[in-house]
Amino acid sequence: MWAAIKSRLRRSEPEASPSPSGDGGPGSPPEPVPPGPSSTDPFTESLLGRRIREASLDEISDQLEIALLQSDVALPVAERLISDLKRSLTGRRLRWGADLESAVQASLERSVRAILSRPVPPLAET
């Protein structure tokens, strides 16, 4: 179950954003560079960390949802785990040396603990 998810986590790399300019040929004008450090600059990414994009979580969340449903987890619970995962990780920066797999695992652990720590309503006595 987790092997497929782990392999997807290991394969996911930061996506390069496509160039909005036309053909980008030799005759086209160069794109203006915004001031400040570029988010794709390797030096900046090594210092500030890599940003987690929603696209890298989509494929992982699909595999996780299938694995949860095959393990007889209720659909509302599986959907909440997936939404919590996306909400907590999208846009977050991974520290230097941290990997996406450990971030996903930590987020899932927090979500499961939050779901399981809810107080159970008392049963009505008849």
N, C-alpha and C. Protein backbone atom coordinates (compact mmCIF):
# COMPACT_ATOMS: atom_id res chain seq x y z
N MET A 1 0.82 -1.18 0.00
CA MET A 1 0.00 0.00 0.00
C MET A 1 0.87 1.26 0.00
N TRP A 2 1.83 1.33 0.91
CA TRP A 2 2.65 2.53 1.03
C TRP A 2 3.79 2.54 0.01
N ALA A 3 4.09 1.38 -0.57
CA ALA A 3 5.21 1.32 -1.52
C ALA A 3 4.95 2.21 -2.74
N ALA A 4 3.72 2.16 -3.27
CA ALA A 4 3.40 2.98 -4.44
C ALA A 4 3.46 4.47 -4.10
N ILE A 5 2.98 4.82 -2.92
CA ILE A 5 2.99 6.22 -2.51
C ILE A 5 4.43 6.69 -2.29
N LYS A 6 5.25 5.84 -1.66
CA LYS A 6 6.65 6.22 -1.43
C LYS A 6 7.39 6.40 -2.74
N SER A 7 7.11 5.52 -3.72
CA SER A 7 7.81 5.67 -4.99
C SER A 7 7.40 6.96 -5.69
N ARG A 8 6.15 7.36 -5.57
CA ARG A 8 5.70 8.63 -6.17
C ARG A 8 6.33 9.82 -5.45
N LEU A 9 6.48 9.71 -4.13
CA LEU A 9 7.10 10.79 -3.38
C LEU A 9 8.55 10.96 -3.79
N ARG A 10 9.23 9.86 -3.99
CA ARG A 10 10.65 9.94 -4.35
C ARG A 10 10.84 10.47 -5.76
N ARG A 11 9.88 10.19 -6.65
CA ARG A 11 9.99 10.64 -8.04
C ARG A 11 9.57 12.08 -8.22
N SER A 12 8.77 12.62 -7.30
CA SER A 12 8.27 13.98 -7.51
C SER A 12 9.40 14.98 -7.33
N GLU A 13 9.56 15.80 -8.31
CA GLU A 13 10.57 16.85 -8.34
C GLU A 13 9.85 18.17 -8.46
N PRO A 14 10.47 19.26 -8.09
CA PRO A 14 9.82 20.56 -8.29
C PRO A 14 9.62 20.81 -9.78
N GLU A 15 8.40 21.22 -10.13
CA GLU A 15 8.10 21.46 -11.53
C GLU A 15 8.59 22.84 -11.92
N ALA A 16 9.15 22.93 -13.11
CA ALA A 16 9.55 24.23 -13.64
C ALA A 16 8.33 24.85 -14.30
N SER A 17 8.09 26.10 -14.02
CA SER A 17 6.91 26.75 -14.60
C SER A 17 7.18 27.01 -16.07
N PRO A 18 6.16 26.76 -16.93
CA PRO A 18 6.35 26.99 -18.35
C PRO A 18 6.53 28.47 -18.64
N SER A 19 7.29 28.75 -19.67
CA SER A 19 7.56 30.13 -20.05
C SER A 19 6.33 30.73 -20.71
N PRO A 20 5.83 31.87 -20.22
CA PRO A 20 4.65 32.47 -20.82
C PRO A 20 4.94 33.15 -22.14
N SER A 21 6.21 33.35 -22.49
CA SER A 21 6.52 34.01 -23.76
C SER A 21 6.26 33.05 -24.90
N GLY A 22 6.21 33.59 -26.09
CA GLY A 22 5.87 32.82 -27.28
C GLY A 22 6.82 31.67 -27.53
N ASP A 23 7.53 31.76 -28.67
CA ASP A 23 8.39 30.66 -29.06
C ASP A 23 9.74 30.69 -28.36
N GLY A 24 10.15 31.81 -27.86
CA GLY A 24 11.42 31.92 -27.15
C GLY A 24 12.62 31.77 -28.07
N GLY A 25 12.43 32.04 -29.36
CA GLY A 25 13.49 31.90 -30.34
C GLY A 25 14.52 32.99 -30.20
N PRO A 26 15.53 32.96 -31.07
CA PRO A 26 16.61 33.95 -30.97
C PRO A 26 16.15 35.37 -31.29
N GLY A 27 15.07 35.54 -32.06
CA GLY A 27 14.61 36.87 -32.43
C GLY A 27 13.68 37.48 -31.40
N SER A 28 13.23 36.72 -30.43
CA SER A 28 12.28 37.25 -29.45
C SER A 28 13.02 38.02 -28.37
N PRO A 29 12.36 39.04 -27.80
CA PRO A 29 13.00 39.82 -26.75
C PRO A 29 13.11 38.98 -25.47
N PRO A 30 14.14 39.22 -24.67
CA PRO A 30 14.28 38.46 -23.43
C PRO A 30 13.18 38.83 -22.44
N GLU A 31 12.84 37.86 -21.61
CA GLU A 31 11.81 38.10 -20.60
C GLU A 31 12.35 39.00 -19.52
N PRO A 32 11.52 39.90 -18.98
CA PRO A 32 11.98 40.71 -17.87
C PRO A 32 12.13 39.85 -16.62
N VAL A 33 13.19 40.08 -15.89
CA VAL A 33 13.45 39.32 -14.67
C VAL A 33 12.96 40.13 -13.49
N PRO A 34 12.09 39.54 -12.63
CA PRO A 34 11.61 40.29 -11.48
C PRO A 34 12.76 40.53 -10.50
N PRO A 35 12.69 41.62 -9.74
CA PRO A 35 13.76 41.89 -8.78
C PRO A 35 13.72 40.86 -7.66
N GLY A 36 14.86 40.64 -7.06
CA GLY A 36 14.94 39.71 -5.95
C GLY A 36 15.35 38.33 -6.41
N PRO A 37 15.57 37.42 -5.46
CA PRO A 37 16.02 36.08 -5.82
C PRO A 37 14.93 35.30 -6.52
N SER A 38 15.33 34.53 -7.49
CA SER A 38 14.40 33.69 -8.24
C SER A 38 14.04 32.47 -7.41
N SER A 39 12.78 32.02 -7.53
CA SER A 39 12.35 30.86 -6.76
C SER A 39 12.92 29.57 -7.34
N THR A 40 13.43 29.62 -8.58
CA THR A 40 14.01 28.42 -9.17
C THR A 40 15.53 28.44 -9.12
N ASP A 41 16.10 29.46 -8.54
CA ASP A 41 17.54 29.54 -8.40
C ASP A 41 18.02 28.46 -7.43
N PRO A 42 18.95 27.59 -7.84
CA PRO A 42 19.40 26.51 -6.96
C PRO A 42 19.99 27.02 -5.66
N PHE A 43 20.71 28.14 -5.71
CA PHE A 43 21.29 28.67 -4.49
C PHE A 43 20.20 29.11 -3.52
N THR A 44 19.18 29.79 -4.04
CA THR A 44 18.07 30.25 -3.20
C THR A 44 17.30 29.06 -2.64
N GLU A 45 17.05 28.05 -3.49
CA GLU A 45 16.33 26.88 -3.01
C GLU A 45 17.12 26.14 -1.94
N SER A 46 18.44 26.13 -2.04
CA SER A 46 19.23 25.43 -1.04
C SER A 46 19.19 26.16 0.30
N LEU A 47 19.08 27.48 0.27
CA LEU A 47 19.01 28.23 1.52
C LEU A 47 17.60 28.30 2.09
N LEU A 48 16.64 28.60 1.24
CA LEU A 48 15.27 28.81 1.71
C LEU A 48 14.44 27.53 1.70
N GLY A 49 14.82 26.55 0.96
CA GLY A 49 14.06 25.32 0.87
C GLY A 49 13.20 25.30 -0.37
N ARG A 50 12.78 24.10 -0.73
CA ARG A 50 11.97 23.90 -1.93
C ARG A 50 10.50 24.05 -1.56
N ARG A 51 9.74 24.77 -2.38
CA ARG A 51 8.32 24.99 -2.14
C ARG A 51 7.53 23.80 -2.68
N ILE A 52 6.56 23.33 -1.89
CA ILE A 52 5.72 22.20 -2.30
C ILE A 52 4.58 22.76 -3.14
N ARG A 53 4.44 22.24 -4.34
CA ARG A 53 3.37 22.67 -5.25
C ARG A 53 2.21 21.69 -5.17
N GLU A 54 1.01 22.21 -5.44
CA GLU A 54 -0.19 21.38 -5.39
C GLU A 54 -0.13 20.27 -6.43
N ALA A 55 0.49 20.54 -7.56
CA ALA A 55 0.59 19.52 -8.62
C ALA A 55 1.37 18.30 -8.14
N SER A 56 2.38 18.51 -7.31
CA SER A 56 3.15 17.37 -6.82
C SER A 56 2.36 16.58 -5.79
N LEU A 57 1.38 17.20 -5.14
CA LEU A 57 0.56 16.50 -4.16
C LEU A 57 -0.65 15.81 -4.78
N ASP A 58 -1.08 16.24 -5.97
CA ASP A 58 -2.28 15.67 -6.59
C ASP A 58 -2.13 14.18 -6.85
N GLU A 59 -1.03 13.78 -7.46
CA GLU A 59 -0.83 12.38 -7.79
C GLU A 59 -0.68 11.54 -6.52
N ILE A 60 0.02 12.08 -5.54
CA ILE A 60 0.21 11.38 -4.28
C ILE A 60 -1.13 11.22 -3.57
N SER A 61 -1.94 12.26 -3.57
CA SER A 61 -3.22 12.20 -2.88
C SER A 61 -4.18 11.22 -3.55
N ASP A 62 -4.11 11.11 -4.88
CA ASP A 62 -4.95 10.12 -5.56
C ASP A 62 -4.58 8.70 -5.13
N GLN A 63 -3.29 8.41 -5.10
CA GLN A 63 -2.83 7.08 -4.68
C GLN A 63 -3.18 6.82 -3.21
N LEU A 64 -3.04 7.85 -2.38
CA LEU A 64 -3.35 7.70 -0.96
C LEU A 64 -4.83 7.45 -0.75
N GLU A 65 -5.67 8.15 -1.49
CA GLU A 65 -7.11 7.95 -1.36
C GLU A 65 -7.51 6.53 -1.75
N ILE A 66 -6.94 6.01 -2.82
CA ILE A 66 -7.23 4.64 -3.23
C ILE A 66 -6.78 3.66 -2.15
N ALA A 67 -5.58 3.88 -1.61
CA ALA A 67 -5.07 2.98 -0.57
C ALA A 67 -5.94 3.03 0.68
N LEU A 68 -6.40 4.22 1.06
CA LEU A 68 -7.26 4.34 2.24
C LEU A 68 -8.60 3.65 2.03
N LEU A 69 -9.19 3.84 0.86
CA LEU A 69 -10.48 3.21 0.58
C LEU A 69 -10.36 1.70 0.49
N GLN A 70 -9.26 1.19 -0.04
CA GLN A 70 -9.05 -0.25 -0.09
C GLN A 70 -8.83 -0.82 1.30
N SER A 71 -8.39 0.02 2.23
CA SER A 71 -8.18 -0.42 3.61
C SER A 71 -9.41 -0.20 4.48
N ASP A 72 -10.56 0.01 3.86
CA ASP A 72 -11.85 0.17 4.53
C ASP A 72 -11.92 1.41 5.42
N VAL A 73 -11.26 2.47 5.02
CA VAL A 73 -11.42 3.75 5.69
C VAL A 73 -12.65 4.41 5.08
N ALA A 74 -13.49 4.98 5.93
CA ALA A 74 -14.71 5.62 5.45
C ALA A 74 -14.38 6.76 4.48
N LEU A 75 -15.22 6.93 3.48
CA LEU A 75 -14.99 7.95 2.45
C LEU A 75 -14.87 9.36 3.04
N PRO A 76 -15.76 9.79 3.97
CA PRO A 76 -15.59 11.13 4.53
C PRO A 76 -14.26 11.30 5.28
N VAL A 77 -13.81 10.25 5.94
CA VAL A 77 -12.53 10.32 6.66
C VAL A 77 -11.38 10.41 5.66
N ALA A 78 -11.42 9.61 4.61
CA ALA A 78 -10.37 9.65 3.58
C ALA A 78 -10.33 11.02 2.91
N GLU A 79 -11.50 11.58 2.61
CA GLU A 79 -11.54 12.90 1.99
C GLU A 79 -10.99 13.97 2.91
N ARG A 80 -11.29 13.85 4.21
CA ARG A 80 -10.77 14.84 5.16
C ARG A 80 -9.25 14.72 5.29
N LEU A 81 -8.74 13.50 5.32
CA LEU A 81 -7.29 13.32 5.39
C LEU A 81 -6.60 13.94 4.18
N ILE A 82 -7.18 13.73 3.00
CA ILE A 82 -6.59 14.27 1.78
C ILE A 82 -6.66 15.81 1.79
N SER A 83 -7.81 16.36 2.19
CA SER A 83 -7.93 17.83 2.20
C SER A 83 -7.00 18.44 3.25
N ASP A 84 -6.86 17.79 4.42
CA ASP A 84 -5.93 18.29 5.43
C ASP A 84 -4.49 18.24 4.92
N LEU A 85 -4.17 17.17 4.21
CA LEU A 85 -2.83 17.02 3.66
C LEU A 85 -2.52 18.15 2.67
N LYS A 86 -3.44 18.38 1.75
CA LYS A 86 -3.22 19.43 0.75
C LYS A 86 -3.18 20.82 1.39
N ARG A 87 -4.08 21.06 2.34
CA ARG A 87 -4.14 22.37 2.97
C ARG A 87 -2.86 22.65 3.77
N SER A 88 -2.34 21.65 4.46
CA SER A 88 -1.18 21.90 5.30
C SER A 88 0.14 21.93 4.54
N LEU A 89 0.21 21.28 3.37
CA LEU A 89 1.49 21.19 2.67
C LEU A 89 1.61 22.09 1.44
N THR A 90 0.50 22.46 0.81
CA THR A 90 0.59 23.28 -0.40
C THR A 90 1.18 24.64 -0.08
N GLY A 91 2.24 24.99 -0.78
CA GLY A 91 2.90 26.27 -0.58
C GLY A 91 3.93 26.28 0.51
N ARG A 92 4.02 25.22 1.28
CA ARG A 92 4.98 25.15 2.37
C ARG A 92 6.38 24.89 1.81
N ARG A 93 7.39 25.40 2.47
CA ARG A 93 8.77 25.17 2.04
C ARG A 93 9.36 24.02 2.83
N LEU A 94 10.03 23.13 2.11
CA LEU A 94 10.76 22.05 2.76
C LEU A 94 12.13 22.58 3.17
N ARG A 95 12.49 22.36 4.40
CA ARG A 95 13.79 22.80 4.88
C ARG A 95 14.90 22.08 4.13
N TRP A 96 16.09 22.63 4.21
CA TRP A 96 17.24 22.01 3.58
C TRP A 96 17.46 20.63 4.20
N GLY A 97 17.53 19.62 3.39
CA GLY A 97 17.75 18.25 3.86
C GLY A 97 16.47 17.49 4.12
N ALA A 98 15.33 18.16 4.18
CA ALA A 98 14.05 17.48 4.42
C ALA A 98 13.52 16.96 3.09
N ASP A 99 12.76 15.88 3.15
CA ASP A 99 12.19 15.34 1.93
C ASP A 99 10.67 15.38 2.00
N LEU A 100 10.04 15.26 0.86
CA LEU A 100 8.59 15.33 0.76
C LEU A 100 7.93 14.17 1.48
N GLU A 101 8.56 13.02 1.46
CA GLU A 101 7.99 11.84 2.11
C GLU A 101 7.78 12.06 3.61
N SER A 102 8.78 12.61 4.28
CA SER A 102 8.65 12.84 5.72
C SER A 102 7.62 13.93 6.02
N ALA A 103 7.51 14.92 5.14
CA ALA A 103 6.52 15.98 5.34
C ALA A 103 5.10 15.43 5.19
N VAL A 104 4.89 14.56 4.19
CA VAL A 104 3.57 13.94 4.00
C VAL A 104 3.24 13.04 5.17
N GLN A 105 4.20 12.25 5.62
CA GLN A 105 3.96 11.34 6.74
C GLN A 105 3.61 12.12 8.01
N ALA A 106 4.34 13.18 8.30
CA ALA A 106 4.06 13.98 9.49
C ALA A 106 2.68 14.63 9.41
N SER A 107 2.31 15.12 8.24
CA SER A 107 1.00 15.74 8.06
C SER A 107 -0.12 14.72 8.25
N LEU A 108 0.07 13.52 7.71
CA LEU A 108 -0.94 12.47 7.88
C LEU A 108 -1.07 12.07 9.35
N GLU A 109 0.05 11.97 10.04
CA GLU A 109 0.00 11.62 11.47
C GLU A 109 -0.78 12.66 12.26
N ARG A 110 -0.54 13.94 11.97
CA ARG A 110 -1.28 15.00 12.67
C ARG A 110 -2.77 14.92 12.37
N SER A 111 -3.13 14.66 11.12
CA SER A 111 -4.54 14.58 10.74
C SER A 111 -5.23 13.40 11.39
N VAL A 112 -4.56 12.25 11.41
CA VAL A 112 -5.15 11.06 12.03
C VAL A 112 -5.32 11.28 13.53
N ARG A 113 -4.32 11.87 14.17
CA ARG A 113 -4.45 12.16 15.61
C ARG A 113 -5.61 13.12 15.89
N ALA A 114 -5.78 14.12 15.03
CA ALA A 114 -6.87 15.07 15.22
C ALA A 114 -8.23 14.39 15.07
N ILE A 115 -8.33 13.48 14.10
CA ILE A 115 -9.60 12.77 13.89
C ILE A 115 -9.88 11.83 15.05
N LEU A 116 -8.86 11.10 15.51
CA LEU A 116 -9.06 10.12 16.57
C LEU A 116 -9.18 10.74 17.96
N SER A 117 -8.73 11.96 18.14
CA SER A 117 -8.78 12.58 19.46
C SER A 117 -10.09 13.30 19.74
N ARG A 118 -11.00 13.29 18.78
CA ARG A 118 -12.31 13.90 19.02
C ARG A 118 -13.05 13.13 20.12
N PRO A 119 -13.71 13.84 21.01
CA PRO A 119 -14.48 13.14 22.04
C PRO A 119 -15.67 12.41 21.43
N VAL A 120 -15.91 11.23 21.93
CA VAL A 120 -17.03 10.42 21.45
C VAL A 120 -18.29 10.86 22.18
N PRO A 121 -19.37 11.13 21.46
CA PRO A 121 -20.61 11.53 22.14
C PRO A 121 -21.14 10.36 22.97
N PRO A 122 -21.68 10.64 24.14
CA PRO A 122 -22.19 9.55 24.98
C PRO A 122 -23.40 8.88 24.32
N LEU A 123 -23.50 7.60 24.56
CA LEU A 123 -24.64 6.85 24.03
C LEU A 123 -25.88 7.16 24.86
N ALA A 124 -26.99 7.26 24.21
CA ALA A 124 -28.25 7.55 24.91
C ALA A 124 -28.70 6.29 25.65
N GLU A 125 -29.08 6.47 26.90
CA GLU A 125 -29.57 5.34 27.68
C GLU A 125 -31.06 5.18 27.43
N THR A 126 -31.49 3.94 27.28
CA THR A 126 -32.92 3.68 27.05
C THR A 126 -33.56 3.00 28.21
